[in-house]
Amino acid sequence: MTDSQEIPLRLTQLAHGGGCGCKIAPGVLEQILAKTAPPFMPPQLLVGIETADDAAVWQLNDTQAIVATTDFFMPVVDDPYHFGQIAATNAISDIYAMGGTPLFALAIVGMPVAKLDTATIKKILDGGESICAKARIPIAGGHTIDSLEPIYGLVAIGLVRPDHVKRNVGAKPGDKLILGKGLGVGIYSAAFKKGELGSTTTTR
Protein backbone atom coordinates (compact mmCIF):
# COMPACT_ATOMS: atom_id res chain seq x y z
CA MET A 1 0.00 0.00 0.00
CA THR A 2 1.40 3.39 -1.00
CA ASP A 3 1.18 6.58 1.07
CA SER A 4 -1.39 7.93 -1.38
CA GLN A 5 -3.77 5.03 -0.81
CA GLU A 6 -6.33 5.49 1.93
CA ILE A 7 -7.12 2.73 4.40
CA PRO A 8 -10.81 1.79 3.99
CA LEU A 9 -12.97 3.14 6.79
CA ARG A 10 -14.42 0.42 9.00
CA LEU A 11 -17.99 0.99 10.11
CA THR A 12 -17.14 -0.02 13.68
CA GLN A 13 -14.43 2.64 13.81
CA LEU A 14 -17.12 5.32 13.76
CA ALA A 15 -18.69 4.14 17.02
CA HIS A 16 -17.31 4.08 20.54
CA GLY A 17 -19.41 1.00 21.29
CA GLY A 18 -21.35 -1.61 19.40
CA GLY A 19 -24.53 -3.64 19.75
CA CYS A 20 -25.93 -3.93 23.25
CA GLY A 21 -22.53 -2.83 24.54
CA CYS A 22 -23.77 0.71 23.83
CA LYS A 23 -26.34 0.50 26.60
CA ILE A 24 -26.04 2.59 29.72
CA ALA A 25 -24.78 0.34 32.52
CA PRO A 26 -27.67 -1.13 34.55
CA GLY A 27 -26.36 0.37 37.78
CA VAL A 28 -26.15 3.84 36.27
CA LEU A 29 -29.59 3.52 34.68
CA GLU A 30 -31.05 2.45 38.02
CA GLN A 31 -29.66 5.60 39.65
CA ILE A 32 -31.15 7.78 36.92
CA LEU A 33 -34.61 6.21 37.09
CA ALA A 34 -34.61 6.21 40.89
CA LYS A 35 -34.62 10.01 40.87
CA THR A 36 -37.65 10.30 38.60
CA ALA A 37 -41.25 10.67 39.73
CA PRO A 38 -43.25 7.43 40.18
CA PRO A 39 -44.72 6.49 36.78
CA PHE A 40 -48.44 6.61 36.10
CA MET A 41 -49.53 2.98 35.77
CA PRO A 42 -53.03 2.62 34.28
CA PRO A 43 -54.55 -0.87 34.47
CA GLN A 44 -54.33 -1.28 30.69
CA LEU A 45 -50.52 -1.20 30.92
CA LEU A 46 -49.87 -4.88 31.48
CA VAL A 47 -46.08 -4.58 31.17
CA GLY A 48 -44.10 -1.40 31.82
CA ILE A 49 -40.60 -0.61 33.05
CA GLU A 50 -40.93 -2.29 36.45
CA THR A 51 -39.26 -5.59 35.47
CA ALA A 52 -37.10 -4.53 32.49
CA ASP A 53 -38.96 -6.73 30.03
CA ASP A 54 -38.24 -6.78 26.30
CA ALA A 55 -41.27 -4.65 25.37
CA ALA A 56 -44.23 -2.78 26.79
CA VAL A 57 -47.70 -4.30 26.58
CA TRP A 58 -50.96 -2.31 26.49
CA GLN A 59 -54.28 -4.15 26.67
CA LEU A 60 -56.88 -3.11 24.09
CA ASN A 61 -59.64 -5.58 24.95
CA ASP A 62 -60.14 -9.09 26.30
CA THR A 63 -58.36 -10.73 23.38
CA GLN A 64 -55.86 -8.15 22.11
CA ALA A 65 -52.93 -6.20 23.49
CA ILE A 66 -50.36 -4.00 21.76
CA VAL A 67 -46.68 -4.93 22.15
CA ALA A 68 -44.27 -2.03 21.57
CA THR A 69 -40.48 -1.86 21.72
CA THR A 70 -37.65 0.45 20.67
CA ASP A 71 -34.26 -1.05 19.96
CA PHE A 72 -31.27 0.56 18.26
CA PHE A 73 -27.51 0.61 18.59
CA MET A 74 -24.20 1.41 16.93
CA PRO A 75 -22.38 -0.96 14.53
CA VAL A 76 -21.25 -4.30 15.84
CA VAL A 77 -19.93 -5.39 12.40
CA ASP A 78 -18.34 -3.56 9.49
CA ASP A 79 -20.60 -4.82 6.72
CA PRO A 80 -23.40 -2.21 6.47
CA TYR A 81 -26.01 -4.65 5.16
CA HIS A 82 -25.30 -7.13 7.96
CA PHE A 83 -25.40 -4.31 10.53
CA GLY A 84 -28.89 -3.41 9.34
CA GLN A 85 -29.97 -7.04 9.50
CA ILE A 86 -28.62 -7.52 13.02
CA ALA A 87 -30.22 -4.34 14.35
CA ALA A 88 -33.61 -5.11 12.82
CA THR A 89 -33.55 -8.71 14.03
CA ASN A 90 -32.71 -7.53 17.52
CA ALA A 91 -35.69 -5.17 17.56
CA ILE A 92 -38.29 -7.54 16.09
CA SER A 93 -37.15 -10.36 18.37
CA ASP A 94 -38.43 -8.33 21.34
CA ILE A 95 -41.96 -8.76 20.01
CA TYR A 96 -41.54 -12.52 19.67
CA ALA A 97 -39.94 -12.69 23.13
CA MET A 98 -43.13 -11.27 24.64
CA GLY A 99 -45.22 -13.90 22.86
CA GLY A 100 -46.49 -11.46 20.24
CA THR A 101 -46.75 -11.22 16.47
CA PRO A 102 -45.13 -8.18 14.78
CA LEU A 103 -47.37 -5.85 12.76
CA PHE A 104 -45.09 -3.09 11.47
CA ALA A 105 -41.94 -1.15 12.29
CA LEU A 106 -40.57 2.38 12.25
CA ALA A 107 -36.91 3.03 11.45
CA ILE A 108 -34.55 4.91 13.76
CA VAL A 109 -31.63 6.27 11.75
CA GLY A 110 -28.76 8.45 12.93
CA MET A 111 -25.82 8.74 10.54
CA PRO A 112 -22.63 10.84 10.27
CA VAL A 113 -23.44 11.98 6.74
CA ALA A 114 -20.10 13.76 6.39
CA LYS A 115 -18.22 10.49 6.92
CA LEU A 116 -20.52 7.85 5.41
CA ASP A 117 -21.58 7.96 1.78
CA THR A 118 -25.24 7.56 0.94
CA ALA A 119 -24.64 4.15 -0.67
CA THR A 120 -23.34 2.75 2.61
CA ILE A 121 -26.24 4.24 4.57
CA LYS A 122 -28.68 2.75 2.06
CA LYS A 123 -27.11 -0.69 2.55
CA ILE A 124 -27.76 -0.43 6.30
CA LEU A 125 -31.41 0.41 5.67
CA ASP A 126 -31.68 -2.31 3.02
CA GLY A 127 -30.40 -4.84 5.55
CA GLY A 128 -33.08 -3.82 8.02
CA GLU A 129 -35.79 -3.93 5.38
CA SER A 130 -34.75 -7.43 4.33
CA ILE A 131 -35.40 -8.71 7.86
CA CYS A 132 -38.76 -6.96 8.04
CA ALA A 133 -39.67 -8.54 4.71
CA LYS A 134 -38.87 -11.99 6.13
CA ALA A 135 -41.10 -11.20 9.11
CA ARG A 136 -43.75 -10.05 6.59
CA ILE A 137 -44.07 -6.59 8.11
CA PRO A 138 -43.56 -3.13 6.55
CA ILE A 139 -41.31 -0.34 7.72
CA ALA A 140 -44.08 2.25 7.81
CA GLY A 141 -41.96 5.33 8.54
CA GLY A 142 -39.33 6.48 10.97
CA HIS A 143 -37.02 9.33 11.89
CA THR A 144 -33.52 10.32 10.75
CA ILE A 145 -30.86 12.62 12.21
CA ASP A 146 -27.31 13.64 11.30
CA SER A 147 -25.31 12.21 14.22
CA LEU A 148 -21.66 11.85 15.17
CA GLU A 149 -21.88 8.06 15.22
CA PRO A 150 -23.92 5.63 13.10
CA ILE A 151 -27.10 4.46 14.83
CA TYR A 152 -29.75 2.17 13.42
CA GLY A 153 -32.70 0.27 14.81
CA LEU A 154 -36.46 -0.05 14.85
CA VAL A 155 -39.57 0.72 16.77
CA ALA A 156 -41.47 -2.55 16.47
CA ILE A 157 -45.20 -2.88 17.09
CA GLY A 158 -47.07 -6.15 17.49
CA LEU A 159 -50.14 -7.88 18.87
CA VAL A 160 -50.48 -10.47 21.63
CA ARG A 161 -53.28 -12.09 23.58
CA PRO A 162 -53.26 -10.64 27.12
CA ASP A 163 -53.26 -14.13 28.58
CA HIS A 164 -50.34 -15.21 26.36
CA VAL A 165 -47.85 -12.50 27.36
CA LYS A 166 -44.41 -13.93 28.11
CA ARG A 167 -42.28 -12.05 30.63
CA ASN A 168 -38.80 -12.34 32.07
CA VAL A 169 -40.16 -12.89 35.57
CA GLY A 170 -42.06 -15.79 37.12
CA ALA A 171 -39.80 -18.62 35.99
CA LYS A 172 -40.33 -21.87 37.86
CA PRO A 173 -38.15 -24.94 38.46
CA GLY A 174 -38.45 -27.24 35.47
CA ASP A 175 -39.12 -24.47 32.94
CA LYS A 176 -37.08 -24.76 29.75
CA LEU A 177 -34.55 -22.04 28.93
CA ILE A 178 -33.99 -21.50 25.20
CA LEU A 179 -30.84 -19.65 24.13
CA GLY A 180 -31.21 -17.77 20.85
CA LYS A 181 -27.44 -17.68 20.25
CA GLY A 182 -24.25 -19.00 21.76
CA LEU A 183 -22.95 -17.49 24.97
CA GLY A 184 -19.98 -15.17 24.52
CA VAL A 185 -21.03 -13.51 21.26
CA GLY A 186 -20.74 -10.07 22.90
CA ILE A 187 -17.16 -10.82 23.95
CA TYR A 188 -16.26 -11.86 20.41
CA SER A 189 -17.82 -8.72 18.94
CA ALA A 190 -15.93 -6.49 21.37
CA ALA A 191 -12.66 -8.23 20.46
CA PHE A 192 -13.50 -7.84 16.76
CA LYS A 193 -14.04 -4.10 17.16
CA LYS A 194 -10.61 -3.76 18.78
CA GLY A 195 -8.96 -5.82 16.03
CA GLU A 196 -8.02 -8.55 18.48
CA LEU A 197 -10.10 -11.37 17.02
CA GLY A 198 -7.84 -13.74 15.14
CA SER A 199 -8.93 -15.29 11.85
CA THR A 200 -8.66 -18.79 13.37
CA THR A 201 -11.02 -18.05 16.28
CA THR A 202 -14.12 -20.23 16.23
CA THR A 203 -17.26 -20.39 18.33
CA ARG A 204 -18.84 -23.51 19.74
C-alpha atoms as a PDB file:
ATOM      1  CA  MET A   1       0.000   0.000   0.000  1.00  0.00           C
ATOM      2  CA  THR A   2       1.403   3.393  -0.995  1.00  0.00           C
ATOM      3  CA  ASP A   3       1.178   6.578   1.069  1.00  0.00           C
ATOM      4  CA  SER A   4      -1.386   7.931  -1.383  1.00  0.00           C
ATOM      5  CA  GLN A   5      -3.769   5.027  -0.805  1.00  0.00           C
ATOM      6  CA  GLU A   6      -6.330   5.495   1.931  1.00  0.00           C
ATOM      7  CA  ILE A   7      -7.118   2.729   4.398  1.00  0.00           C
ATOM      8  CA  PRO A   8     -10.811   1.788   3.994  1.00  0.00           C
ATOM      9  CA  LEU A   9     -12.968   3.139   6.792  1.00  0.00           C
ATOM     10  CA  ARG A  10     -14.424   0.416   8.997  1.00  0.00           C
ATOM     11  CA  LEU A  11     -17.993   0.993  10.109  1.00  0.00           C
ATOM     12  CA  THR A  12     -17.140  -0.022  13.678  1.00  0.00           C
ATOM     13  CA  GLN A  13     -14.433   2.637  13.809  1.00  0.00           C
ATOM     14  CA  LEU A  14     -17.124   5.318  13.757  1.00  0.00           C
ATOM     15  CA  ALA A  15     -18.691   4.138  17.016  1.00  0.00           C
ATOM     16  CA  HIS A  16     -17.308   4.078  20.543  1.00  0.00           C
ATOM     17  CA  GLY A  17     -19.414   1.003  21.292  1.00  0.00           C
ATOM     18  CA  GLY A  18     -21.346  -1.615  19.399  1.00  0.00           C
ATOM     19  CA  GLY A  19     -24.526  -3.637  19.751  1.00  0.00           C
ATOM     20  CA  CYS A  20     -25.931  -3.934  23.251  1.00  0.00           C
ATOM     21  CA  GLY A  21     -22.534  -2.829  24.537  1.00  0.00           C
ATOM     22  CA  CYS A  22     -23.768   0.714  23.833  1.00  0.00           C
ATOM     23  CA  LYS A  23     -26.341   0.501  26.602  1.00  0.00           C
ATOM     24  CA  ILE A  24     -26.040   2.587  29.722  1.00  0.00           C
ATOM     25  CA  ALA A  25     -24.778   0.337  32.520  1.00  0.00           C
ATOM     26  CA  PRO A  26     -27.669  -1.133  34.552  1.00  0.00           C
ATOM     27  CA  GLY A  27     -26.362   0.368  37.782  1.00  0.00           C
ATOM     28  CA  VAL A  28     -26.147   3.840  36.269  1.00  0.00           C
ATOM     29  CA  LEU A  29     -29.588   3.520  34.683  1.00  0.00           C
ATOM     30  CA  GLU A  30     -31.048   2.450  38.021  1.00  0.00           C
ATOM     31  CA  GLN A  31     -29.661   5.595  39.652  1.00  0.00           C
ATOM     32  CA  ILE A  32     -31.149   7.783  36.916  1.00  0.00           C
ATOM     33  CA  LEU A  33     -34.607   6.210  37.092  1.00  0.00           C
ATOM     34  CA  ALA A  34     -34.607   6.214  40.892  1.00  0.00           C
ATOM     35  CA  LYS A  35     -34.624  10.009  40.870  1.00  0.00           C
ATOM     36  CA  THR A  36     -37.652  10.303  38.603  1.00  0.00           C
ATOM     37  CA  ALA A  37     -41.250  10.667  39.732  1.00  0.00           C
ATOM     38  CA  PRO A  38     -43.250   7.429  40.178  1.00  0.00           C
ATOM     39  CA  PRO A  39     -44.725   6.491  36.782  1.00  0.00           C
ATOM     40  CA  PHE A  40     -48.441   6.614  36.099  1.00  0.00           C
ATOM     41  CA  MET A  41     -49.527   2.983  35.774  1.00  0.00           C
ATOM     42  CA  PRO A  42     -53.031   2.620  34.282  1.00  0.00           C
ATOM     43  CA  PRO A  43     -54.550  -0.872  34.474  1.00  0.00           C
ATOM     44  CA  GLN A  44     -54.332  -1.277  30.686  1.00  0.00           C
ATOM     45  CA  LEU A  45     -50.517  -1.202  30.919  1.00  0.00           C
ATOM     46  CA  LEU A  46     -49.865  -4.883  31.481  1.00  0.00           C
ATOM     47  CA  VAL A  47     -46.081  -4.580  31.173  1.00  0.00           C
ATOM     48  CA  GLY A  48     -44.097  -1.397  31.815  1.00  0.00           C
ATOM     49  CA  ILE A  49     -40.598  -0.610  33.055  1.00  0.00           C
ATOM     50  CA  GLU A  50     -40.929  -2.289  36.445  1.00  0.00           C
ATOM     51  CA  THR A  51     -39.260  -5.590  35.472  1.00  0.00           C
ATOM     52  CA  ALA A  52     -37.096  -4.527  32.493  1.00  0.00           C
ATOM     53  CA  ASP A  53     -38.962  -6.732  30.033  1.00  0.00           C
ATOM     54  CA  ASP A  54     -38.240  -6.781  26.298  1.00  0.00           C
ATOM     55  CA  ALA A  55     -41.267  -4.653  25.366  1.00  0.00           C
ATOM     56  CA  ALA A  56     -44.227  -2.778  26.786  1.00  0.00           C
ATOM     57  CA  VAL A  57     -47.702  -4.299  26.577  1.00  0.00           C
ATOM     58  CA  TRP A  58     -50.960  -2.310  26.492  1.00  0.00           C
ATOM     59  CA  GLN A  59     -54.282  -4.145  26.670  1.00  0.00           C
ATOM     60  CA  LEU A  60     -56.877  -3.109  24.090  1.00  0.00           C
ATOM     61  CA  ASN A  61     -59.636  -5.576  24.952  1.00  0.00           C
ATOM     62  CA  ASP A  62     -60.141  -9.093  26.305  1.00  0.00           C
ATOM     63  CA  THR A  63     -58.361 -10.731  23.385  1.00  0.00           C
ATOM     64  CA  GLN A  64     -55.863  -8.151  22.109  1.00  0.00           C
ATOM     65  CA  ALA A  65     -52.932  -6.197  23.492  1.00  0.00           C
ATOM     66  CA  ILE A  66     -50.358  -4.000  21.763  1.00  0.00           C
ATOM     67  CA  VAL A  67     -46.682  -4.934  22.147  1.00  0.00           C
ATOM     68  CA  ALA A  68     -44.265  -2.031  21.574  1.00  0.00           C
ATOM     69  CA  THR A  69     -40.482  -1.863  21.716  1.00  0.00           C
ATOM     70  CA  THR A  70     -37.654   0.446  20.672  1.00  0.00           C
ATOM     71  CA  ASP A  71     -34.258  -1.054  19.962  1.00  0.00           C
ATOM     72  CA  PHE A  72     -31.272   0.564  18.264  1.00  0.00           C
ATOM     73  CA  PHE A  73     -27.510   0.606  18.592  1.00  0.00           C
ATOM     74  CA  MET A  74     -24.197   1.412  16.932  1.00  0.00           C
ATOM     75  CA  PRO A  75     -22.385  -0.960  14.526  1.00  0.00           C
ATOM     76  CA  VAL A  76     -21.253  -4.302  15.840  1.00  0.00           C
ATOM     77  CA  VAL A  77     -19.927  -5.392  12.404  1.00  0.00           C
ATOM     78  CA  ASP A  78     -18.336  -3.559   9.487  1.00  0.00           C
ATOM     79  CA  ASP A  79     -20.603  -4.817   6.720  1.00  0.00           C
ATOM     80  CA  PRO A  80     -23.402  -2.211   6.473  1.00  0.00           C
ATOM     81  CA  TYR A  81     -26.013  -4.654   5.164  1.00  0.00           C
ATOM     82  CA  HIS A  82     -25.296  -7.126   7.962  1.00  0.00           C
ATOM     83  CA  PHE A  83     -25.398  -4.311  10.527  1.00  0.00           C
ATOM     84  CA  GLY A  84     -28.888  -3.405   9.339  1.00  0.00           C
ATOM     85  CA  GLN A  85     -29.966  -7.037   9.498  1.00  0.00           C
ATOM     86  CA  ILE A  86     -28.617  -7.520  13.019  1.00  0.00           C
ATOM     87  CA  ALA A  87     -30.219  -4.336  14.350  1.00  0.00           C
ATOM     88  CA  ALA A  88     -33.608  -5.114  12.821  1.00  0.00           C
ATOM     89  CA  THR A  89     -33.552  -8.714  14.026  1.00  0.00           C
ATOM     90  CA  ASN A  90     -32.708  -7.532  17.517  1.00  0.00           C
ATOM     91  CA  ALA A  91     -35.692  -5.173  17.564  1.00  0.00           C
ATOM     92  CA  ILE A  92     -38.289  -7.537  16.091  1.00  0.00           C
ATOM     93  CA  SER A  93     -37.146 -10.359  18.371  1.00  0.00           C
ATOM     94  CA  ASP A  94     -38.430  -8.332  21.343  1.00  0.00           C
ATOM     95  CA  ILE A  95     -41.965  -8.762  20.007  1.00  0.00           C
ATOM     96  CA  TYR A  96     -41.538 -12.519  19.672  1.00  0.00           C
ATOM     97  CA  ALA A  97     -39.942 -12.695  23.129  1.00  0.00           C
ATOM     98  CA  MET A  98     -43.132 -11.266  24.639  1.00  0.00           C
ATOM     99  CA  GLY A  99     -45.218 -13.903  22.857  1.00  0.00           C
ATOM    100  CA  GLY A 100     -46.488 -11.462  20.238  1.00  0.00           C
ATOM    101  CA  THR A 101     -46.746 -11.222  16.466  1.00  0.00           C
ATOM    102  CA  PRO A 102     -45.132  -8.178  14.777  1.00  0.00           C
ATOM    103  CA  LEU A 103     -47.368  -5.852  12.764  1.00  0.00           C
ATOM    104  CA  PHE A 104     -45.092  -3.089  11.471  1.00  0.00           C
ATOM    105  CA  ALA A 105     -41.939  -1.155  12.288  1.00  0.00           C
ATOM    106  CA  LEU A 106     -40.572   2.385  12.250  1.00  0.00           C
ATOM    107  CA  ALA A 107     -36.907   3.035  11.446  1.00  0.00           C
ATOM    108  CA  ILE A 108     -34.554   4.915  13.763  1.00  0.00           C
ATOM    109  CA  VAL A 109     -31.625   6.273  11.749  1.00  0.00           C
ATOM    110  CA  GLY A 110     -28.761   8.448  12.932  1.00  0.00           C
ATOM    111  CA  MET A 111     -25.819   8.739  10.535  1.00  0.00           C
ATOM    112  CA  PRO A 112     -22.625  10.837  10.269  1.00  0.00           C
ATOM    113  CA  VAL A 113     -23.441  11.977   6.742  1.00  0.00           C
ATOM    114  CA  ALA A 114     -20.102  13.765   6.387  1.00  0.00           C
ATOM    115  CA  LYS A 115     -18.224  10.488   6.919  1.00  0.00           C
ATOM    116  CA  LEU A 116     -20.521   7.853   5.411  1.00  0.00           C
ATOM    117  CA  ASP A 117     -21.584   7.958   1.783  1.00  0.00           C
ATOM    118  CA  THR A 118     -25.244   7.556   0.938  1.00  0.00           C
ATOM    119  CA  ALA A 119     -24.645   4.151  -0.673  1.00  0.00           C
ATOM    120  CA  THR A 120     -23.338   2.754   2.613  1.00  0.00           C
ATOM    121  CA  ILE A 121     -26.241   4.236   4.567  1.00  0.00           C
ATOM    122  CA  LYS A 122     -28.683   2.752   2.062  1.00  0.00           C
ATOM    123  CA  LYS A 123     -27.114  -0.692   2.554  1.00  0.00           C
ATOM    124  CA  ILE A 124     -27.765  -0.431   6.296  1.00  0.00           C
ATOM    125  CA  LEU A 125     -31.411   0.414   5.671  1.00  0.00           C
ATOM    126  CA  ASP A 126     -31.680  -2.306   3.025  1.00  0.00           C
ATOM    127  CA  GLY A 127     -30.404  -4.844   5.545  1.00  0.00           C
ATOM    128  CA  GLY A 128     -33.079  -3.822   8.023  1.00  0.00           C
ATOM    129  CA  GLU A 129     -35.791  -3.925   5.376  1.00  0.00           C
ATOM    130  CA  SER A 130     -34.746  -7.431   4.328  1.00  0.00           C
ATOM    131  CA  ILE A 131     -35.396  -8.714   7.858  1.00  0.00           C
ATOM    132  CA  CYS A 132     -38.760  -6.961   8.040  1.00  0.00           C
ATOM    133  CA  ALA A 133     -39.672  -8.540   4.710  1.00  0.00           C
ATOM    134  CA  LYS A 134     -38.872 -11.994   6.126  1.00  0.00           C
ATOM    135  CA  ALA A 135     -41.100 -11.195   9.114  1.00  0.00           C
ATOM    136  CA  ARG A 136     -43.749 -10.049   6.589  1.00  0.00           C
ATOM    137  CA  ILE A 137     -44.075  -6.586   8.107  1.00  0.00           C
ATOM    138  CA  PRO A 138     -43.563  -3.135   6.554  1.00  0.00           C
ATOM    139  CA  ILE A 139     -41.314  -0.339   7.722  1.00  0.00           C
ATOM    140  CA  ALA A 140     -44.078   2.254   7.813  1.00  0.00           C
ATOM    141  CA  GLY A 141     -41.959   5.327   8.543  1.00  0.00           C
ATOM    142  CA  GLY A 142     -39.331   6.483  10.972  1.00  0.00           C
ATOM    143  CA  HIS A 143     -37.019   9.325  11.886  1.00  0.00           C
ATOM    144  CA  THR A 144     -33.524  10.323  10.753  1.00  0.00           C
ATOM    145  CA  ILE A 145     -30.862  12.620  12.210  1.00  0.00           C
ATOM    146  CA  ASP A 146     -27.315  13.635  11.301  1.00  0.00           C
ATOM    147  CA  SER A 147     -25.309  12.213  14.217  1.00  0.00           C
ATOM    148  CA  LEU A 148     -21.657  11.851  15.170  1.00  0.00           C
ATOM    149  CA  GLU A 149     -21.883   8.064  15.222  1.00  0.00           C
ATOM    150  CA  PRO A 150     -23.924   5.635  13.102  1.00  0.00           C
ATOM    151  CA  ILE A 151     -27.100   4.456  14.829  1.00  0.00           C
ATOM    152  CA  TYR A 152     -29.751   2.167  13.420  1.00  0.00           C
ATOM    153  CA  GLY A 153     -32.703   0.268  14.808  1.00  0.00           C
ATOM    154  CA  LEU A 154     -36.456  -0.046  14.847  1.00  0.00           C
ATOM    155  CA  VAL A 155     -39.570   0.721  16.771  1.00  0.00           C
ATOM    156  CA  ALA A 156     -41.473  -2.552  16.470  1.00  0.00           C
ATOM    157  CA  ILE A 157     -45.202  -2.876  17.091  1.00  0.00           C
ATOM    158  CA  GLY A 158     -47.067  -6.152  17.487  1.00  0.00           C
ATOM    159  CA  LEU A 159     -50.145  -7.882  18.871  1.00  0.00           C
ATOM    160  CA  VAL A 160     -50.479 -10.473  21.629  1.00  0.00           C
ATOM    161  CA  ARG A 161     -53.276 -12.086  23.584  1.00  0.00           C
ATOM    162  CA  PRO A 162     -53.262 -10.636  27.118  1.00  0.00           C
ATOM    163  CA  ASP A 163     -53.256 -14.129  28.576  1.00  0.00           C
ATOM    164  CA  HIS A 164     -50.343 -15.205  26.363  1.00  0.00           C
ATOM    165  CA  VAL A 165     -47.851 -12.495  27.356  1.00  0.00           C
ATOM    166  CA  LYS A 166     -44.405 -13.929  28.107  1.00  0.00           C
ATOM    167  CA  ARG A 167     -42.280 -12.054  30.635  1.00  0.00           C
ATOM    168  CA  ASN A 168     -38.797 -12.340  32.070  1.00  0.00           C
ATOM    169  CA  VAL A 169     -40.157 -12.890  35.575  1.00  0.00           C
ATOM    170  CA  GLY A 170     -42.063 -15.787  37.118  1.00  0.00           C
ATOM    171  CA  ALA A 171     -39.803 -18.617  35.986  1.00  0.00           C
ATOM    172  CA  LYS A 172     -40.329 -21.875  37.865  1.00  0.00           C
ATOM    173  CA  PRO A 173     -38.154 -24.942  38.456  1.00  0.00           C
ATOM    174  CA  GLY A 174     -38.448 -27.242  35.474  1.00  0.00           C
ATOM    175  CA  ASP A 175     -39.117 -24.474  32.940  1.00  0.00           C
ATOM    176  CA  LYS A 176     -37.079 -24.763  29.755  1.00  0.00           C
ATOM    177  CA  LEU A 177     -34.546 -22.040  28.929  1.00  0.00           C
ATOM    178  CA  ILE A 178     -33.991 -21.502  25.204  1.00  0.00           C
ATOM    179  CA  LEU A 179     -30.837 -19.652  24.127  1.00  0.00           C
ATOM    180  CA  GLY A 180     -31.209 -17.768  20.846  1.00  0.00           C
ATOM    181  CA  LYS A 181     -27.439 -17.684  20.252  1.00  0.00           C
ATOM    182  CA  GLY A 182     -24.249 -19.003  21.759  1.00  0.00           C
ATOM    183  CA  LEU A 183     -22.950 -17.488  24.969  1.00  0.00           C
ATOM    184  CA  GLY A 184     -19.979 -15.166  24.524  1.00  0.00           C
ATOM    185  CA  VAL A 185     -21.027 -13.509  21.262  1.00  0.00           C
ATOM    186  CA  GLY A 186     -20.738 -10.074  22.897  1.00  0.00           C
ATOM    187  CA  ILE A 187     -17.157 -10.822  23.945  1.00  0.00           C
ATOM    188  CA  TYR A 188     -16.264 -11.858  20.414  1.00  0.00           C
ATOM    189  CA  SER A 189     -17.818  -8.718  18.941  1.00  0.00           C
ATOM    190  CA  ALA A 190     -15.927  -6.492  21.373  1.00  0.00           C
ATOM    191  CA  ALA A 191     -12.664  -8.227  20.461  1.00  0.00           C
ATOM    192  CA  PHE A 192     -13.500  -7.843  16.761  1.00  0.00           C
ATOM    193  CA  LYS A 193     -14.042  -4.101  17.160  1.00  0.00           C
ATOM    194  CA  LYS A 194     -10.613  -3.764  18.777  1.00  0.00           C
ATOM    195  CA  GLY A 195      -8.964  -5.818  16.031  1.00  0.00           C
ATOM    196  CA  GLU A 196      -8.023  -8.548  18.479  1.00  0.00           C
ATOM    197  CA  LEU A 197     -10.102 -11.374  17.024  1.00  0.00           C
ATOM    198  CA  GLY A 198      -7.835 -13.736  15.139  1.00  0.00           C
ATOM    199  CA  SER A 199      -8.929 -15.289  11.850  1.00  0.00           C
ATOM    200  CA  THR A 200      -8.660 -18.785  13.367  1.00  0.00           C
ATOM    201  CA  THR A 201     -11.025 -18.045  16.275  1.00  0.00           C
ATOM    202  CA  THR A 202     -14.116 -20.230  16.232  1.00  0.00           C
ATOM    203  CA  THR A 203     -17.256 -20.389  18.328  1.00  0.00           C
ATOM    204  CA  ARG A 204     -18.836 -23.512  19.741  1.00  0.00           C
END
